[in-house]
Structures are given as C-alpha cells and as structure tokens.
Amino acid sequence: MKELNLSGKVAVVTGGAGELGRVMVRELAGCGANVAICYYNNEEGAQALKAEVEQKYNVTALAVYADVTCPDSIAAMKVKVNETLGLVDIIVNNAVIQHKWKPILEEHISQQKTN
C-alpha cells in the first residue's frame, strides 16, 4: 500500500479503461480505494483491469458502462456504483471524446487551396 491511505474510500474514474485512466485506477487501488472503472467502448479492458487491481491490491473494483454525455447513463452508473461499492468519495473526471485531428500543416494547406 502507498503512503496515502484511501482504505474504505470509493473512487470513480471515468474513462478508467483508457491509457491515463488505467494509471489512475491502479494508483487509487494501490492506496486502498475501491474503484469503479467507467468505460464507454472498452469493456474488455475494463474487466481485465478490474481483475488485475482486485488481485494485486485486494480491493473491490467494478467495471461499469457510462456514456458521460448522457445524463440517463450517468444516473444508471451512479446507482450501480452505489449499490456495489457504496457512496462515492473521489471522482476522477477523465473521460474524453476522441476526434481524428488533421495535422496542422495538412489543415493549413487545405485552407490555402480554398482561398
């Protein structure tokens, strides 16, 4: 267990199955927090992370679907987390919407062609 003692605390990490989210979930679990790993399209990754942190850190984890752009989805996620882990103490708002970004140079060239 790390220096920060979060034993008995409940943490929710939106985007918990993503690159940065996994790091946060592991750190919180390593400090003793029970964690809800919220995912949007990576259930397999969330379930694997759940199994990992439960075994490695002896905490309770929950992989739970949540579309953070939809209030009904957030409400359903909250109910499931509260029923499974209890009231939430920590929220890490990590979910992002992924866009395909054009490189700056490509965008600049396409603008020049239209002008």
Protein backbone atom coordinates (compact mmCIF):
# COMPACT_ATOMS: atom_id res chain seq x y z
CA MET A 1 0.00 0.00 0.00
CA LYS A 2 1.18 3.50 -0.78
CA GLU A 3 1.70 6.32 1.75
CA LEU A 4 -1.73 7.81 1.06
CA ASN A 5 -4.27 5.63 2.86
CA LEU A 6 -7.58 5.53 0.98
CA SER A 7 -8.81 2.32 2.61
CA GLY A 8 -12.58 2.28 2.82
CA LYS A 9 -12.93 5.07 0.23
CA VAL A 10 -14.75 4.68 -3.07
CA ALA A 11 -13.32 6.22 -6.24
CA VAL A 12 -14.91 6.57 -9.67
CA VAL A 13 -12.66 7.03 -12.70
CA THR A 14 -14.46 7.99 -15.91
CA GLY A 15 -12.51 6.76 -18.91
CA GLY A 16 -10.94 4.29 -16.49
CA ALA A 17 -10.10 1.74 -19.16
CA GLY A 18 -8.15 4.24 -21.26
CA GLU A 19 -4.42 4.93 -21.24
CA LEU A 20 -4.40 7.57 -18.49
CA GLY A 21 -7.45 6.16 -16.73
CA ARG A 22 -5.73 2.82 -16.09
CA VAL A 23 -2.85 4.60 -14.37
CA MET A 24 -5.28 6.47 -12.10
CA VAL A 25 -7.23 3.31 -11.28
CA ARG A 26 -4.04 1.47 -10.35
CA GLU A 27 -2.82 4.35 -8.17
CA LEU A 28 -6.12 4.69 -6.31
CA ALA A 29 -6.37 0.93 -5.79
CA GLY A 30 -2.74 0.87 -4.67
CA CYS A 31 -3.69 3.37 -1.97
CA GLY A 32 -6.50 1.07 -0.84
CA ALA A 33 -9.54 2.65 -2.52
CA ASN A 34 -12.29 0.54 -4.01
CA VAL A 35 -12.65 1.67 -7.61
CA ALA A 36 -15.32 1.97 -10.26
CA ILE A 37 -13.75 1.72 -13.70
CA CYS A 38 -16.12 3.53 -16.05
CA TYR A 39 -15.80 2.62 -19.70
CA TYR A 40 -17.60 3.59 -22.88
CA ASN A 41 -16.28 1.23 -25.55
CA ASN A 42 -13.59 -0.85 -23.88
CA GLU A 43 -15.45 -3.33 -21.67
CA GLU A 44 -12.78 -5.99 -22.17
CA GLY A 45 -10.04 -3.63 -20.97
CA ALA A 46 -12.15 -2.51 -18.00
CA GLN A 47 -12.87 -6.10 -16.96
CA ALA A 48 -9.18 -7.04 -17.25
CA LEU A 49 -8.18 -4.02 -15.15
CA LYS A 50 -10.85 -4.89 -12.57
CA ALA A 51 -9.41 -8.40 -12.18
CA GLU A 52 -5.86 -7.01 -12.02
CA VAL A 53 -6.45 -4.46 -9.25
CA GLU A 54 -8.64 -6.79 -7.20
CA GLN A 55 -5.94 -9.44 -7.20
CA LYS A 56 -2.92 -7.16 -6.81
CA TYR A 57 -4.29 -4.68 -4.27
CA ASN A 58 -7.02 -6.69 -2.50
CA VAL A 59 -9.69 -4.04 -3.20
CA THR A 60 -13.15 -4.27 -4.70
CA ALA A 61 -13.45 -2.99 -8.24
CA LEU A 62 -16.36 -2.56 -10.61
CA ALA A 63 -16.26 -2.23 -14.39
CA VAL A 64 -19.28 -0.16 -15.29
CA TYR A 65 -20.54 1.29 -18.59
CA ALA A 66 -21.07 5.04 -18.71
CA ASP A 67 -21.66 7.49 -21.54
CA VAL A 68 -20.67 10.75 -19.86
CA THR A 69 -22.55 12.75 -22.49
CA CYS A 70 -25.87 11.17 -21.46
CA PRO A 71 -27.50 12.09 -18.11
CA ASP A 72 -29.51 8.83 -18.02
CA SER A 73 -26.33 6.79 -18.46
CA ILE A 74 -24.60 8.71 -15.66
CA ALA A 75 -27.59 8.16 -13.38
CA ALA A 76 -27.57 4.42 -14.09
CA MET A 77 -23.81 4.25 -13.47
CA LYS A 78 -24.25 6.08 -10.16
CA VAL A 79 -26.91 3.62 -8.99
CA LYS A 80 -24.73 0.63 -9.89
CA VAL A 81 -21.66 2.10 -8.16
CA ASN A 82 -23.62 2.98 -5.02
CA GLU A 83 -25.19 -0.48 -4.87
CA THR A 84 -21.90 -2.30 -5.42
CA LEU A 85 -19.27 -0.12 -3.73
CA GLY A 86 -21.18 2.40 -1.61
CA LEU A 87 -21.22 6.18 -1.63
CA VAL A 88 -18.53 7.82 -3.74
CA ASP A 89 -15.72 9.77 -2.05
CA ILE A 90 -13.48 10.51 -5.05
CA ILE A 91 -14.36 11.30 -8.66
CA VAL A 92 -11.72 11.47 -11.37
CA ASN A 93 -13.28 13.06 -14.44
CA ASN A 94 -11.01 11.59 -17.09
CA ALA A 95 -13.36 10.69 -19.97
CA VAL A 96 -12.63 12.38 -23.28
CA ILE A 97 -14.21 12.40 -26.70
CA GLN A 98 -11.73 11.17 -29.27
CA HIS A 99 -11.54 13.10 -32.53
CA LYS A 100 -9.36 12.50 -35.51
CA TRP A 101 -7.28 15.64 -35.75
CA LYS A 102 -5.69 16.66 -39.00
CA PRO A 103 -2.09 17.66 -38.73
CA ILE A 104 -1.71 21.44 -38.60
CA LEU A 105 0.22 21.54 -41.86
CA GLU A 106 -2.43 19.49 -43.68
CA GLU A 107 -5.19 21.81 -42.45
CA HIS A 108 -3.17 24.89 -43.45
CA ILE A 109 -2.61 23.55 -46.97
CA SER A 110 -6.30 22.71 -47.46
CA GLN A 111 -7.27 26.24 -46.37
CA GLN A 112 -4.83 27.77 -48.85
CA LYS A 113 -6.33 25.74 -51.68
CA THR A 114 -9.86 27.01 -50.90
CA ASN A 115 -8.76 30.65 -50.74
